[in-house]
N, C-alpha and C. Protein backbone atom coordinates (compact mmCIF):
# COMPACT_ATOMS: atom_id res chain seq x y z
N MET A 1 0.72 -1.04 -0.07
CA MET A 1 -0.01 0.23 -0.20
C MET A 1 1.01 1.31 -0.04
N ALA A 2 0.29 2.60 -0.20
CA ALA A 2 1.22 3.45 -0.49
C ALA A 2 1.13 4.60 0.51
N ASP A 3 0.76 3.77 1.92
CA ASP A 3 1.05 4.39 3.16
C ASP A 3 2.20 4.92 3.39
N ARG A 4 2.50 5.60 4.13
CA ARG A 4 4.15 6.12 4.76
C ARG A 4 4.00 6.47 6.22
N GLU A 5 5.13 5.96 7.02
CA GLU A 5 5.18 6.56 8.53
C GLU A 5 5.95 7.53 8.50
N ILE A 6 5.63 8.86 9.30
CA ILE A 6 6.47 9.82 9.25
C ILE A 6 7.47 9.70 10.17
N ASP A 7 8.83 10.30 10.03
CA ASP A 7 9.79 10.16 11.07
C ASP A 7 10.11 8.53 11.51
N GLY A 8 9.86 7.58 10.73
CA GLY A 8 10.23 6.36 11.11
C GLY A 8 9.41 5.71 11.99
N GLY A 9 9.67 6.20 13.13
CA GLY A 9 8.66 5.56 14.34
C GLY A 9 7.31 6.26 14.59
N SER A 10 7.20 7.16 13.88
CA SER A 10 5.60 7.86 13.93
C SER A 10 4.56 6.80 13.56
N ARG A 11 3.21 6.93 14.00
CA ARG A 11 2.18 6.04 13.47
C ARG A 11 1.26 7.20 12.50
N ILE A 12 1.51 8.02 12.17
CA ILE A 12 1.11 9.02 11.21
C ILE A 12 1.41 8.55 9.80
N VAL A 13 0.29 8.09 9.01
CA VAL A 13 0.38 7.63 7.64
C VAL A 13 -0.07 8.70 7.04
N VAL A 14 0.85 9.16 5.77
CA VAL A 14 0.35 9.73 4.34
C VAL A 14 -0.25 8.95 3.40
N LYS A 15 -1.32 9.38 3.10
CA LYS A 15 -2.11 8.47 1.94
C LYS A 15 -2.10 9.63 0.73
N LEU A 16 -1.19 10.21 0.47
CA LEU A 16 -1.08 11.19 -0.71
C LEU A 16 -1.16 10.38 -1.93
N ASP A 17 -0.31 9.23 -2.02
CA ASP A 17 -0.43 8.72 -3.38
C ASP A 17 -1.83 7.89 -3.70
N ASP A 18 -2.47 7.38 -2.90
CA ASP A 18 -3.68 6.97 -2.85
C ASP A 18 -4.58 8.08 -3.52
N LEU A 19 -4.68 9.20 -3.07
CA LEU A 19 -5.83 10.55 -3.37
C LEU A 19 -5.22 10.72 -4.65
N LEU A 20 -3.88 10.83 -4.93
CA LEU A 20 -3.19 11.30 -6.58
C LEU A 20 -3.89 10.42 -7.39
N TYR A 21 -3.86 9.11 -7.18
CA TYR A 21 -3.97 8.05 -8.23
C TYR A 21 -5.67 8.12 -8.38
N ALA A 22 -6.29 8.23 -7.31
CA ALA A 22 -7.62 8.13 -7.60
C ALA A 22 -8.17 9.52 -8.12
N ARG A 23 -7.46 10.74 -7.82
CA ARG A 23 -7.82 11.92 -8.62
C ARG A 23 -7.15 12.02 -10.26
N ARG A 24 -6.07 11.01 -10.40
CA ARG A 24 -5.52 11.03 -11.82
C ARG A 24 -4.43 12.47 -11.74
N MET A 25 -4.07 12.69 -10.75
CA MET A 25 -3.36 14.00 -10.71
C MET A 25 -1.79 13.46 -10.60
N THR A 26 -0.91 14.44 -10.96
CA THR A 26 0.70 13.96 -10.70
C THR A 26 0.82 14.70 -9.39
N LEU A 27 1.99 14.40 -8.86
CA LEU A 27 2.47 15.05 -7.63
C LEU A 27 3.14 16.63 -8.25
N THR A 28 3.64 16.83 -9.53
CA THR A 28 4.07 18.01 -10.02
C THR A 28 2.75 18.77 -10.28
N GLU A 29 1.65 18.37 -10.70
CA GLU A 29 0.48 19.01 -10.98
C GLU A 29 -0.10 19.67 -9.53
N LEU A 30 0.07 19.01 -8.58
CA LEU A 30 -0.49 19.01 -7.10
C LEU A 30 0.41 20.60 -6.65
N ALA A 31 1.76 20.02 -6.95
CA ALA A 31 2.74 21.06 -6.04
C ALA A 31 2.64 22.41 -6.83
N GLU A 32 2.09 22.36 -8.21
CA GLU A 32 1.99 23.92 -9.02
C GLU A 32 0.33 24.32 -8.23
N ARG A 33 -0.67 23.49 -8.01
CA ARG A 33 -1.78 24.11 -7.83
C ARG A 33 -1.74 24.86 -6.36
N VAL A 34 -1.04 23.79 -5.55
CA VAL A 34 -1.32 24.38 -3.90
C VAL A 34 0.30 25.43 -3.70
N ASP A 35 1.02 25.67 -4.90
CA ASP A 35 2.10 26.71 -4.54
C ASP A 35 3.21 26.13 -3.55
N ILE A 36 3.36 24.92 -3.56
CA ILE A 36 4.41 24.32 -2.76
C ILE A 36 5.83 23.59 -3.74
N THR A 37 6.57 23.55 -3.32
CA THR A 37 7.94 23.23 -4.14
C THR A 37 7.81 21.71 -4.24
N LEU A 38 7.81 20.98 -5.30
CA LEU A 38 8.06 19.65 -5.73
C LEU A 38 8.52 18.85 -4.49
N ALA A 39 9.62 19.26 -4.28
CA ALA A 39 10.83 18.74 -3.14
C ALA A 39 10.19 18.63 -1.90
N ASN A 40 9.42 19.82 -1.37
CA ASN A 40 8.56 19.81 -0.15
C ASN A 40 7.48 18.68 -0.25
N LEU A 41 6.71 18.90 -1.25
CA LEU A 41 5.43 17.75 -1.29
C LEU A 41 5.90 16.45 -1.25
N SER A 42 7.14 16.30 -2.34
CA SER A 42 7.46 14.74 -2.21
C SER A 42 8.10 14.48 -0.66
N ILE A 43 8.71 14.98 0.00
CA ILE A 43 9.11 14.76 1.25
C ILE A 43 7.89 14.45 2.04
N LEU A 44 6.63 15.21 1.93
CA LEU A 44 5.32 14.71 2.63
C LEU A 44 4.89 13.49 2.04
N LYS A 45 4.93 13.17 1.07
CA LYS A 45 4.58 12.12 0.16
C LYS A 45 5.11 10.90 0.46
N THR A 46 6.44 10.95 0.79
CA THR A 46 7.26 9.76 1.30
C THR A 46 7.37 9.43 2.61
N GLY A 47 6.88 10.36 3.63
CA GLY A 47 6.33 10.10 4.68
C GLY A 47 7.89 10.75 5.52
N LYS A 48 8.60 11.47 5.01
CA LYS A 48 9.79 11.94 5.82
C LYS A 48 9.48 13.28 6.26
N ALA A 49 8.33 14.02 6.15
CA ALA A 49 8.07 15.29 6.87
C ALA A 49 7.55 15.01 8.45
N LYS A 50 8.23 16.25 9.22
CA LYS A 50 8.15 16.14 10.37
C LYS A 50 7.06 16.90 10.75
N ALA A 51 6.48 17.56 10.02
CA ALA A 51 5.12 18.58 10.24
C ALA A 51 4.66 19.03 8.94
N ILE A 52 3.28 19.49 9.24
CA ILE A 52 2.90 20.13 7.82
C ILE A 52 2.08 21.25 8.51
N ARG A 53 1.98 22.74 7.70
CA ARG A 53 1.30 23.83 8.27
C ARG A 53 0.16 23.72 8.08
N PHE A 54 -1.00 24.21 8.47
CA PHE A 54 -2.02 23.98 8.39
C PHE A 54 -2.72 24.67 6.96
N SER A 55 -1.95 25.89 6.51
CA SER A 55 -2.49 26.21 5.54
C SER A 55 -1.85 25.67 3.98
N THR A 56 -0.88 24.69 4.29
CA THR A 56 -0.82 23.62 3.14
C THR A 56 -1.59 22.59 3.31
N LEU A 57 -1.73 22.10 4.43
CA LEU A 57 -2.88 21.05 4.65
C LEU A 57 -4.13 21.41 3.85
N GLU A 58 -4.73 22.80 4.14
CA GLU A 58 -5.86 23.44 3.88
C GLU A 58 -5.89 23.21 1.96
N ALA A 59 -4.79 23.66 1.63
CA ALA A 59 -4.56 23.77 0.26
C ALA A 59 -4.80 22.35 -0.29
N ILE A 60 -4.03 21.29 0.48
CA ILE A 60 -4.03 20.06 -0.49
C ILE A 60 -5.37 19.14 -0.26
N CYS A 61 -6.10 19.66 0.69
CA CYS A 61 -7.43 19.11 0.79
C CYS A 61 -8.25 19.94 -0.43
N ARG A 62 -8.19 21.23 -0.34
CA ARG A 62 -8.96 22.24 -1.22
C ARG A 62 -8.62 21.41 -2.77
N GLU A 63 -7.68 21.26 -3.31
CA GLU A 63 -7.10 20.82 -4.54
C GLU A 63 -7.49 19.23 -4.84
N LEU A 64 -7.29 18.45 -3.83
CA LEU A 64 -7.85 17.08 -3.92
C LEU A 64 -9.30 16.87 -3.51
N GLN A 65 -9.82 17.83 -3.11
CA GLN A 65 -11.26 17.71 -2.80
C GLN A 65 -11.77 16.80 -1.79
N CYS A 66 -10.80 16.64 -0.69
CA CYS A 66 -10.77 15.48 0.49
C CYS A 66 -10.55 16.22 1.89
N GLN A 67 -10.76 15.52 3.02
CA GLN A 67 -10.88 16.17 4.27
C GLN A 67 -9.38 15.53 4.79
N PRO A 68 -9.17 16.06 5.81
CA PRO A 68 -7.44 16.25 6.34
C PRO A 68 -7.71 14.46 6.67
N GLY A 69 -8.63 13.87 7.26
CA GLY A 69 -8.18 12.40 7.47
C GLY A 69 -8.36 11.48 6.25
N ASP A 70 -8.67 12.16 5.22
CA ASP A 70 -8.57 11.16 4.11
C ASP A 70 -7.00 11.20 3.52
N LEU A 71 -6.35 12.21 4.03
CA LEU A 71 -4.67 12.57 3.59
C LEU A 71 -4.19 11.85 4.82
N LEU A 72 -4.32 12.16 5.87
CA LEU A 72 -3.46 11.60 7.11
C LEU A 72 -4.08 10.68 7.99
N GLY A 73 -3.65 9.35 8.24
CA GLY A 73 -4.23 8.67 9.37
C GLY A 73 -3.16 8.01 10.33
N TYR A 74 -3.95 7.57 11.34
CA TYR A 74 -3.07 6.94 12.36
C TYR A 74 -3.01 5.58 12.71
N ASN A 75 -1.82 5.00 12.53
CA ASN A 75 -1.85 3.51 12.47
C ASN A 75 -1.45 2.97 14.15
N GLY A 76 -2.10 2.59 14.89
CA GLY A 76 -2.21 2.35 16.21
C GLY A 76 -1.52 0.89 16.49
N GLU A 77 -1.25 0.22 15.43
CA GLU A 77 -0.63 -1.25 15.73
C GLU A 77 0.59 -1.11 16.05
N GLU A 78 1.30 -2.05 16.40
CA GLU A 78 2.84 -2.23 16.77
C GLU A 78 3.47 -3.16 15.92
């Protein structure tokens, strides 16, 4: 599955790959639409981000027409 754990030990998963696939949108296109660098968006997508600004989260949700819970999840399993 395309879920990624942030910061190795974190249980927060980023489901950006799944949302992009469902909307037939590339990472480059999303980066242009939300005015964020491709490098920073890639860091989020791969689960290497340590934080995300609410303004960035809002812009991503606006462009992907989703809720924050569609983009981020919590995996409580060990």
